[in-house]
Amino acid sequence: MTLRALLHPSEPGRICEIRQVGDEFEVHPDFVWVDVPDGTTTHDTYNPDGTITKFDIVQLQIGRAHV
């Protein structure tokens, strides 16, 4: 099953909302719905080439340890 992600160009990569196909709602013209794979969440990042970078808490914690 495919999911739909709501994006806004002023926040590149940020997924604002996830919905099942057919459950999308009307949004301001500045927003856009895109297809994303199952398992995508609002914590993930939508890349310009249409791929998803999964959120990884371990990488986040490692990065903070080096600050």
C-alpha atoms as a PDB file:
ATOM      1  CA  MET A   1       0.000   0.000   0.000  1.00  0.00           C
ATOM      2  CA  THR A   2       1.312   3.411  -0.888  1.00  0.00           C
ATOM      3  CA  LEU A   3       1.319   6.354   1.450  1.00  0.00           C
ATOM      4  CA  ARG A   4       1.103  10.063   0.669  1.00  0.00           C
ATOM      5  CA  ALA A   5       3.274  12.685   2.355  1.00  0.00           C
ATOM      6  CA  LEU A   6       2.424  16.357   2.634  1.00  0.00           C
ATOM      7  CA  LEU A   7       5.362  18.671   1.883  1.00  0.00           C
ATOM      8  CA  HIS A   8       5.911  22.427   1.851  1.00  0.00           C
ATOM      9  CA  PRO A   9       8.727  24.000  -0.212  1.00  0.00           C
ATOM     10  CA  SER A  10       9.713  26.456   2.529  1.00  0.00           C
ATOM     11  CA  GLU A  11      10.870  23.510   4.672  1.00  0.00           C
ATOM     12  CA  PRO A  12      12.730  21.235   2.241  1.00  0.00           C
ATOM     13  CA  GLY A  13      12.726  17.604   3.305  1.00  0.00           C
ATOM     14  CA  ARG A  14      10.244  18.013   6.162  1.00  0.00           C
ATOM     15  CA  ILE A  15       7.270  15.679   5.991  1.00  0.00           C
ATOM     16  CA  CYS A  16       4.333  17.547   7.532  1.00  0.00           C
ATOM     17  CA  GLU A  17       1.743  14.754   7.397  1.00  0.00           C
ATOM     18  CA  ILE A  18       1.369  11.133   6.271  1.00  0.00           C
ATOM     19  CA  ARG A  19      -1.910   9.696   4.947  1.00  0.00           C
ATOM     20  CA  GLN A  20      -3.107   6.559   3.205  1.00  0.00           C
ATOM     21  CA  VAL A  21      -3.828   7.026  -0.497  1.00  0.00           C
ATOM     22  CA  GLY A  22      -7.362   8.358  -0.737  1.00  0.00           C
ATOM     23  CA  ASP A  23      -7.282   9.910   2.751  1.00  0.00           C
ATOM     24  CA  GLU A  24      -5.548  13.103   1.647  1.00  0.00           C
ATOM     25  CA  PHE A  25      -7.285  16.386   2.372  1.00  0.00           C
ATOM     26  CA  GLU A  26      -7.409  19.705   0.556  1.00  0.00           C
ATOM     27  CA  VAL A  27      -4.447  21.933   1.348  1.00  0.00           C
ATOM     28  CA  HIS A  28      -3.175  25.388   0.450  1.00  0.00           C
ATOM     29  CA  PRO A  29      -1.698  25.459  -3.095  1.00  0.00           C
ATOM     30  CA  ASP A  30       1.810  25.959  -1.645  1.00  0.00           C
ATOM     31  CA  PHE A  31       1.697  22.426  -0.204  1.00  0.00           C
ATOM     32  CA  VAL A  32       2.055  19.268  -2.276  1.00  0.00           C
ATOM     33  CA  TRP A  33       1.166  15.592  -1.754  1.00  0.00           C
ATOM     34  CA  VAL A  34       3.778  13.045  -2.920  1.00  0.00           C
ATOM     35  CA  ASP A  35       3.877   9.238  -2.923  1.00  0.00           C
ATOM     36  CA  VAL A  36       6.179   7.694  -0.321  1.00  0.00           C
ATOM     37  CA  PRO A  37       6.897   4.058   0.580  1.00  0.00           C
ATOM     38  CA  ASP A  38       5.191   2.189   3.389  1.00  0.00           C
ATOM     39  CA  GLY A  39       6.895   2.759   6.716  1.00  0.00           C
ATOM     40  CA  THR A  40       7.598   6.438   6.052  1.00  0.00           C
ATOM     41  CA  THR A  41       6.949   8.681   9.069  1.00  0.00           C
ATOM     42  CA  THR A  42       6.969  12.408   9.778  1.00  0.00           C
ATOM     43  CA  HIS A  43      10.357  11.882  11.454  1.00  0.00           C
ATOM     44  CA  ASP A  44      11.898  10.859   8.120  1.00  0.00           C
ATOM     45  CA  THR A  45      13.251  13.249   5.471  1.00  0.00           C
ATOM     46  CA  TYR A  46      11.993  13.530   1.888  1.00  0.00           C
ATOM     47  CA  ASN A  47      14.940  14.029  -0.475  1.00  0.00           C
ATOM     48  CA  PRO A  48      14.844  16.089  -3.725  1.00  0.00           C
ATOM     49  CA  ASP A  49      15.275  12.904  -5.789  1.00  0.00           C
ATOM     50  CA  GLY A  50      12.119  11.403  -4.235  1.00  0.00           C
ATOM     51  CA  THR A  51      13.889   9.033  -1.868  1.00  0.00           C
ATOM     52  CA  ILE A  52      13.362   8.905   1.886  1.00  0.00           C
ATOM     53  CA  THR A  53      16.081   9.144   4.524  1.00  0.00           C
ATOM     54  CA  LYS A  54      14.908   7.239   7.579  1.00  0.00           C
ATOM     55  CA  PHE A  55      15.260   8.933  10.945  1.00  0.00           C
ATOM     56  CA  ASP A  56      18.012   7.221  12.948  1.00  0.00           C
ATOM     57  CA  ILE A  57      18.109   8.075  16.646  1.00  0.00           C
ATOM     58  CA  VAL A  58      21.456   6.310  17.057  1.00  0.00           C
ATOM     59  CA  GLN A  59      23.123   8.534  14.434  1.00  0.00           C
ATOM     60  CA  LEU A  60      21.544  11.586  16.081  1.00  0.00           C
ATOM     61  CA  GLN A  61      22.947  10.605  19.486  1.00  0.00           C
ATOM     62  CA  ILE A  62      26.403   9.891  18.041  1.00  0.00           C
ATOM     63  CA  GLY A  63      26.419  13.308  16.353  1.00  0.00           C
ATOM     64  CA  ARG A  64      25.507  15.046  19.584  1.00  0.00           C
ATOM     65  CA  ALA A  65      28.239  13.181  21.482  1.00  0.00           C
ATOM     66  CA  HIS A  66      30.855  14.820  19.230  1.00  0.00           C
ATOM     67  CA  VAL A  67      29.620  18.360  19.835  1.00  0.00           C
END
